Amino acid sequence: MKIVLASRNKHKIEEWNATLGKYVDGVELLSLDDVGIVDEIEENGKTFEENAMIKALAAAQSGYLSIGEDSGLSVGALDGAPGIYSARYAGEHGNDQANNAFLLQNLAGKEDRSAKFVCAIALADPNRPDKGMFFRGETEGVILTEARGGGGFGYDPLFFFEPMGKTFSEMSGEEKNSISHRGKAIEQLAAYLKTIK
């Protein structure tokens, strides 16, 4: 079964392949580049779910079953920010170093450092674009005062998962996928995909 993942992010596609492959055999994930979708998809939704569906519907123009994902960090003391703006929190899209520095700056002096990673997945069928489905995963943690670990991406070096005593950056890919917001949402999606294979 070929499915388009509405992304060009190699980290994300690798993580998806590793996680989805654990649950469902015979799924081949294609990127937007693989199916010739070159236009940028404007994410103008107000929630993770809205943005995920915008991406899924854009990818479904390829004629394949398509997945859109929107994920980010929600920090309690910042009223849920950076939220849907996680990738461009400091202004420039995808500048992890600047985003992490801006997050630490905004949390300076705050006692409550609780946070959660959120992942919303939308599934769109090109033959039934009005019948989209959603899957959501969340992982609770706290934001450290300085980065730890050399792996991962985004806010992973600052996001501390207490049950394992590690940041996401200090975990192996397998450890992270077993407890991550994305892993949880993909597991739900995989359960559904098994029913339609």
C-alpha atoms as a PDB file:
ATOM      1  CA  MET A   1       0.000   0.000   0.000  1.00  0.00           C
ATOM      2  CA  LYS A   2       1.469   3.361  -1.061  1.00  0.00           C
ATOM      3  CA  ILE A   3       0.646   6.362   1.101  1.00  0.00           C
ATOM      4  CA  VAL A   4       1.846   9.929   0.661  1.00  0.00           C
ATOM      5  CA  LEU A   5       3.166  11.674   3.747  1.00  0.00           C
ATOM      6  CA  ALA A   6       2.744  15.421   3.258  1.00  0.00           C
ATOM      7  CA  SER A   7       6.329  16.274   4.128  1.00  0.00           C
ATOM      8  CA  ARG A   8       9.772  16.886   2.696  1.00  0.00           C
ATOM      9  CA  ASN A   9      11.431  16.627   6.118  1.00  0.00           C
ATOM     10  CA  LYS A  10      13.850  13.674   5.982  1.00  0.00           C
ATOM     11  CA  HIS A  11      13.983  13.337   9.802  1.00  0.00           C
ATOM     12  CA  LYS A  12      10.211  13.092   9.948  1.00  0.00           C
ATOM     13  CA  ILE A  13       9.966  10.575   7.099  1.00  0.00           C
ATOM     14  CA  GLU A  14      12.664   8.370   8.699  1.00  0.00           C
ATOM     15  CA  GLU A  15      10.830   8.481  12.045  1.00  0.00           C
ATOM     16  CA  TRP A  16       7.543   7.675  10.350  1.00  0.00           C
ATOM     17  CA  ASN A  17       8.970   4.732   8.398  1.00  0.00           C
ATOM     18  CA  ALA A  18      10.575   3.278  11.530  1.00  0.00           C
ATOM     19  CA  THR A  19       7.427   3.644  13.625  1.00  0.00           C
ATOM     20  CA  LEU A  20       4.731   2.747  11.097  1.00  0.00           C
ATOM     21  CA  GLY A  21       6.764  -0.235   9.859  1.00  0.00           C
ATOM     22  CA  LYS A  22       6.597  -1.774  13.339  1.00  0.00           C
ATOM     23  CA  TYR A  23       2.826  -1.989  13.144  1.00  0.00           C
ATOM     24  CA  VAL A  24       1.861  -2.425   9.489  1.00  0.00           C
ATOM     25  CA  ASP A  25       3.600  -4.544   6.864  1.00  0.00           C
ATOM     26  CA  GLY A  26       3.748  -3.520   3.239  1.00  0.00           C
ATOM     27  CA  VAL A  27       3.222   0.217   3.603  1.00  0.00           C
ATOM     28  CA  GLU A  28       5.452   2.370   1.417  1.00  0.00           C
ATOM     29  CA  LEU A  29       5.599   6.023   2.432  1.00  0.00           C
ATOM     30  CA  LEU A  30       6.096   8.518  -0.362  1.00  0.00           C
ATOM     31  CA  SER A  31       7.141  12.127   0.185  1.00  0.00           C
ATOM     32  CA  LEU A  32       5.636  15.143  -1.581  1.00  0.00           C
ATOM     33  CA  ASP A  33       8.746  15.194  -3.778  1.00  0.00           C
ATOM     34  CA  ASP A  34       8.199  11.532  -4.725  1.00  0.00           C
ATOM     35  CA  VAL A  35       4.763  12.324  -6.184  1.00  0.00           C
ATOM     36  CA  GLY A  36       5.744  15.614  -7.819  1.00  0.00           C
ATOM     37  CA  ILE A  37       3.963  18.034  -5.488  1.00  0.00           C
ATOM     38  CA  VAL A  38       6.311  21.014  -5.522  1.00  0.00           C
ATOM     39  CA  ASP A  39       4.111  23.839  -4.277  1.00  0.00           C
ATOM     40  CA  GLU A  40       4.398  24.888  -0.652  1.00  0.00           C
ATOM     41  CA  ILE A  41       1.327  24.010   1.382  1.00  0.00           C
ATOM     42  CA  GLU A  42       0.013  26.994   3.296  1.00  0.00           C
ATOM     43  CA  GLU A  43      -0.738  25.949   6.859  1.00  0.00           C
ATOM     44  CA  ASN A  44      -3.324  28.531   7.857  1.00  0.00           C
ATOM     45  CA  GLY A  45      -5.362  26.458  10.308  1.00  0.00           C
ATOM     46  CA  LYS A  46      -5.849  27.465  13.930  1.00  0.00           C
ATOM     47  CA  THR A  47      -5.279  23.996  15.423  1.00  0.00           C
ATOM     48  CA  PHE A  48      -2.917  21.073  14.917  1.00  0.00           C
ATOM     49  CA  GLU A  49      -5.841  19.087  13.431  1.00  0.00           C
ATOM     50  CA  GLU A  50      -6.772  21.798  10.929  1.00  0.00           C
ATOM     51  CA  ASN A  51      -3.192  22.120   9.701  1.00  0.00           C
ATOM     52  CA  ALA A  52      -2.811  18.334   9.462  1.00  0.00           C
ATOM     53  CA  MET A  53      -5.933  18.063   7.290  1.00  0.00           C
ATOM     54  CA  ILE A  54      -4.841  20.950   5.042  1.00  0.00           C
ATOM     55  CA  LYS A  55      -1.631  19.007   4.349  1.00  0.00           C
ATOM     56  CA  ALA A  56      -3.384  15.661   3.909  1.00  0.00           C
ATOM     57  CA  LEU A  57      -5.867  17.070   1.384  1.00  0.00           C
ATOM     58  CA  ALA A  58      -3.064  18.764  -0.574  1.00  0.00           C
ATOM     59  CA  ALA A  59      -1.123  15.477  -0.721  1.00  0.00           C
ATOM     60  CA  ALA A  60      -4.270  13.553  -1.720  1.00  0.00           C
ATOM     61  CA  GLN A  61      -4.235  15.457  -5.022  1.00  0.00           C
ATOM     62  CA  SER A  62      -1.591  12.879  -5.946  1.00  0.00           C
ATOM     63  CA  GLY A  63      -4.356  10.272  -6.126  1.00  0.00           C
ATOM     64  CA  TYR A  64      -2.953   8.302  -3.191  1.00  0.00           C
ATOM     65  CA  LEU A  65      -4.249   7.863   0.336  1.00  0.00           C
ATOM     66  CA  SER A  66      -2.482  10.704   2.141  1.00  0.00           C
ATOM     67  CA  ILE A  67      -1.336  11.635   5.595  1.00  0.00           C
ATOM     68  CA  GLY A  68      -0.861  15.109   6.981  1.00  0.00           C
ATOM     69  CA  GLU A  69       0.740  15.665  10.341  1.00  0.00           C
ATOM     70  CA  ASP A  70       1.082  18.730  12.480  1.00  0.00           C
ATOM     71  CA  SER A  71       2.893  18.565  15.737  1.00  0.00           C
ATOM     72  CA  GLY A  72       4.463  20.899  18.191  1.00  0.00           C
ATOM     73  CA  LEU A  73       5.211  21.846  21.719  1.00  0.00           C
ATOM     74  CA  SER A  74       2.611  23.238  24.100  1.00  0.00           C
ATOM     75  CA  VAL A  75       3.965  24.889  27.257  1.00  0.00           C
ATOM     76  CA  GLY A  76       1.626  25.466  30.199  1.00  0.00           C
ATOM     77  CA  ALA A  77       3.212  28.678  31.513  1.00  0.00           C
ATOM     78  CA  LEU A  78       3.093  30.171  27.992  1.00  0.00           C
ATOM     79  CA  ASP A  79      -0.646  29.515  27.495  1.00  0.00           C
ATOM     80  CA  GLY A  80       0.059  26.672  25.085  1.00  0.00           C
ATOM     81  CA  ALA A  81       2.710  28.461  23.028  1.00  0.00           C
ATOM     82  CA  PRO A  82       4.563  27.844  20.807  1.00  0.00           C
ATOM     83  CA  GLY A  83       1.773  25.459  19.704  1.00  0.00           C
ATOM     84  CA  ILE A  84       1.083  25.472  15.961  1.00  0.00           C
ATOM     85  CA  TYR A  85       3.924  27.975  15.543  1.00  0.00           C
ATOM     86  CA  SER A  86       6.533  25.589  17.021  1.00  0.00           C
ATOM     87  CA  ALA A  87       8.658  25.341  13.857  1.00  0.00           C
ATOM     88  CA  ARG A  88       8.794  29.129  13.409  1.00  0.00           C
ATOM     89  CA  TYR A  89       8.530  30.287  17.016  1.00  0.00           C
ATOM     90  CA  ALA A  90      11.549  32.614  16.801  1.00  0.00           C
ATOM     91  CA  GLY A  91      10.546  33.888  13.355  1.00  0.00           C
ATOM     92  CA  GLU A  92      12.535  31.795  10.890  1.00  0.00           C
ATOM     93  CA  HIS A  93      11.003  28.427   9.941  1.00  0.00           C
ATOM     94  CA  GLY A  94      13.029  25.422  11.078  1.00  0.00           C
ATOM     95  CA  ASN A  95      15.746  27.284  13.012  1.00  0.00           C
ATOM     96  CA  ASP A  96      15.925  24.892  15.981  1.00  0.00           C
ATOM     97  CA  GLN A  97      18.670  26.799  17.780  1.00  0.00           C
ATOM     98  CA  ALA A  98      16.791  30.107  17.627  1.00  0.00           C
ATOM     99  CA  ASN A  99      13.488  28.473  18.624  1.00  0.00           C
ATOM    100  CA  ASN A 100      15.061  26.806  21.661  1.00  0.00           C
ATOM    101  CA  ALA A 101      16.783  30.030  22.728  1.00  0.00           C
ATOM    102  CA  PHE A 102      13.503  31.965  22.390  1.00  0.00           C
ATOM    103  CA  LEU A 103      11.652  29.334  24.418  1.00  0.00           C
ATOM    104  CA  LEU A 104      14.220  29.535  27.234  1.00  0.00           C
ATOM    105  CA  GLN A 105      14.053  33.321  27.151  1.00  0.00           C
ATOM    106  CA  ASN A 106      10.242  33.258  27.476  1.00  0.00           C
ATOM    107  CA  LEU A 107      10.400  30.755  30.337  1.00  0.00           C
ATOM    108  CA  ALA A 108      13.047  32.679  32.300  1.00  0.00           C
ATOM    109  CA  GLY A 109      11.938  33.066  35.913  1.00  0.00           C
ATOM    110  CA  LYS A 110       8.869  30.854  35.534  1.00  0.00           C
ATOM    111  CA  GLU A 111       8.440  28.036  38.042  1.00  0.00           C
ATOM    112  CA  ASP A 112       5.965  26.009  36.003  1.00  0.00           C
ATOM    113  CA  ARG A 113       7.974  24.337  33.229  1.00  0.00           C
ATOM    114  CA  SER A 114       5.425  21.649  32.376  1.00  0.00           C
ATOM    115  CA  ALA A 115       4.940  21.005  28.689  1.00  0.00           C
ATOM    116  CA  LYS A 116       3.594  18.458  26.270  1.00  0.00           C
ATOM    117  CA  PHE A 117       4.394  17.452  22.741  1.00  0.00           C
ATOM    118  CA  VAL A 118       1.251  17.087  20.622  1.00  0.00           C
ATOM    119  CA  CYS A 119       0.871  15.261  17.318  1.00  0.00           C
ATOM    120  CA  ALA A 120      -2.267  15.386  15.176  1.00  0.00           C
ATOM    121  CA  ILE A 121      -2.459  13.118  12.132  1.00  0.00           C
ATOM    122  CA  ALA A 122      -5.071  13.522   9.413  1.00  0.00           C
ATOM    123  CA  LEU A 123      -5.795  10.821   6.856  1.00  0.00           C
ATOM    124  CA  ALA A 124      -7.372  11.832   3.546  1.00  0.00           C
ATOM    125  CA  ASP A 125      -8.726   9.542   0.839  1.00  0.00           C
ATOM    126  CA  PRO A 126      -8.573  11.145  -2.635  1.00  0.00           C
ATOM    127  CA  ASN A 127     -11.840   9.402  -3.523  1.00  0.00           C
ATOM    128  CA  ARG A 128     -13.607  10.669  -0.386  1.00  0.00           C
ATOM    129  CA  PRO A 129     -12.030  14.017   0.569  1.00  0.00           C
ATOM    130  CA  ASP A 130     -14.964  14.873   2.841  1.00  0.00           C
ATOM    131  CA  LYS A 131     -14.374  11.790   5.021  1.00  0.00           C
ATOM    132  CA  GLY A 132     -11.064  12.624   6.658  1.00  0.00           C
ATOM    133  CA  MET A 133      -9.984  10.956   9.892  1.00  0.00           C
ATOM    134  CA  PHE A 134      -7.893  12.211  12.819  1.00  0.00           C
ATOM    135  CA  PHE A 135      -5.499  10.540  15.251  1.00  0.00           C
ATOM    136  CA  ARG A 136      -3.877  12.379  18.181  1.00  0.00           C
ATOM    137  CA  GLY A 137      -0.976  11.604  20.501  1.00  0.00           C
ATOM    138  CA  GLU A 138       0.477  13.558  23.439  1.00  0.00           C
ATOM    139  CA  THR A 139       3.549  13.128  25.641  1.00  0.00           C
ATOM    140  CA  GLU A 140       3.961  15.069  28.896  1.00  0.00           C
ATOM    141  CA  GLY A 141       7.307  16.418  30.073  1.00  0.00           C
ATOM    142  CA  VAL A 142       9.120  19.448  31.439  1.00  0.00           C
ATOM    143  CA  ILE A 143      11.350  22.052  29.813  1.00  0.00           C
ATOM    144  CA  LEU A 144      14.897  22.104  31.187  1.00  0.00           C
ATOM    145  CA  THR A 145      16.900  25.306  31.647  1.00  0.00           C
ATOM    146  CA  GLU A 146      19.600  24.105  29.238  1.00  0.00           C
ATOM    147  CA  ALA A 147      19.887  21.657  26.364  1.00  0.00           C
ATOM    148  CA  ARG A 148      20.971  18.038  26.924  1.00  0.00           C
ATOM    149  CA  GLY A 149      21.837  15.345  24.385  1.00  0.00           C
ATOM    150  CA  GLY A 150      22.998  15.310  20.807  1.00  0.00           C
ATOM    151  CA  GLY A 151      20.213  13.457  18.996  1.00  0.00           C
ATOM    152  CA  GLY A 152      16.770  14.366  17.790  1.00  0.00           C
ATOM    153  CA  PHE A 153      15.677  17.727  16.426  1.00  0.00           C
ATOM    154  CA  GLY A 154      13.457  20.678  17.282  1.00  0.00           C
ATOM    155  CA  TYR A 155      12.848  21.058  21.010  1.00  0.00           C
ATOM    156  CA  ASP A 156      14.127  17.537  21.810  1.00  0.00           C
ATOM    157  CA  PRO A 157      17.237  18.748  23.733  1.00  0.00           C
ATOM    158  CA  LEU A 158      15.067  20.730  26.181  1.00  0.00           C
ATOM    159  CA  PHE A 159      12.151  18.315  26.572  1.00  0.00           C
ATOM    160  CA  PHE A 160      12.731  16.087  29.609  1.00  0.00           C
ATOM    161  CA  PHE A 161      10.659  12.918  29.962  1.00  0.00           C
ATOM    162  CA  GLU A 162      10.649  12.112  33.665  1.00  0.00           C
ATOM    163  CA  PRO A 163       9.772   8.380  33.555  1.00  0.00           C
ATOM    164  CA  MET A 164      12.966   7.686  31.563  1.00  0.00           C
ATOM    165  CA  GLY A 165      15.071  10.414  33.175  1.00  0.00           C
ATOM    166  CA  LYS A 166      16.184  11.661  29.750  1.00  0.00           C
ATOM    167  CA  THR A 167      15.510  14.381  27.229  1.00  0.00           C
ATOM    168  CA  PHE A 168      14.210  13.290  23.837  1.00  0.00           C
ATOM    169  CA  SER A 169      17.710  14.129  22.509  1.00  0.00           C
ATOM    170  CA  GLU A 170      19.315  11.654  24.919  1.00  0.00           C
ATOM    171  CA  MET A 171      17.099   8.763  23.824  1.00  0.00           C
ATOM    172  CA  SER A 172      17.743   6.256  21.077  1.00  0.00           C
ATOM    173  CA  GLY A 173      15.338   6.457  18.151  1.00  0.00           C
ATOM    174  CA  GLU A 174      13.634   3.306  19.399  1.00  0.00           C
ATOM    175  CA  GLU A 175      13.199   4.694  22.922  1.00  0.00           C
ATOM    176  CA  LYS A 176      11.776   7.957  21.644  1.00  0.00           C
ATOM    177  CA  ASN A 177       9.392   6.307  19.184  1.00  0.00           C
ATOM    178  CA  SER A 178       8.042   4.051  21.952  1.00  0.00           C
ATOM    179  CA  ILE A 179       6.783   6.973  24.056  1.00  0.00           C
ATOM    180  CA  SER A 180       6.601   9.973  21.731  1.00  0.00           C
ATOM    181  CA  HIS A 181       3.504  11.919  20.762  1.00  0.00           C
ATOM    182  CA  ARG A 182       4.118  10.962  17.127  1.00  0.00           C
ATOM    183  CA  GLY A 183       4.582   7.298  18.021  1.00  0.00           C
ATOM    184  CA  LYS A 184       1.268   7.250  19.892  1.00  0.00           C
ATOM    185  CA  ALA A 185      -0.648   8.883  17.037  1.00  0.00           C
ATOM    186  CA  ILE A 186       0.997   6.625  14.435  1.00  0.00           C
ATOM    187  CA  GLU A 187       0.006   3.561  16.470  1.00  0.00           C
ATOM    188  CA  GLN A 188      -3.640   4.665  16.289  1.00  0.00           C
ATOM    189  CA  LEU A 189      -3.331   5.313  12.546  1.00  0.00           C
ATOM    190  CA  ALA A 190      -1.694   1.907  12.022  1.00  0.00           C
ATOM    191  CA  ALA A 191      -4.563   0.156  13.794  1.00  0.00           C
ATOM    192  CA  TYR A 192      -6.949   1.811  11.339  1.00  0.00           C
ATOM    193  CA  LEU A 193      -4.791   1.038   8.276  1.00  0.00           C
ATOM    194  CA  LYS A 194      -4.844  -2.659   9.185  1.00  0.00           C
ATOM    195  CA  THR A 195      -8.639  -2.604   8.860  1.00  0.00           C
ATOM    196  CA  ILE A 196      -8.547  -1.275   5.269  1.00  0.00           C
ATOM    197  CA  LYS A 197      -5.527  -3.152   3.831  1.00  0.00           C
END
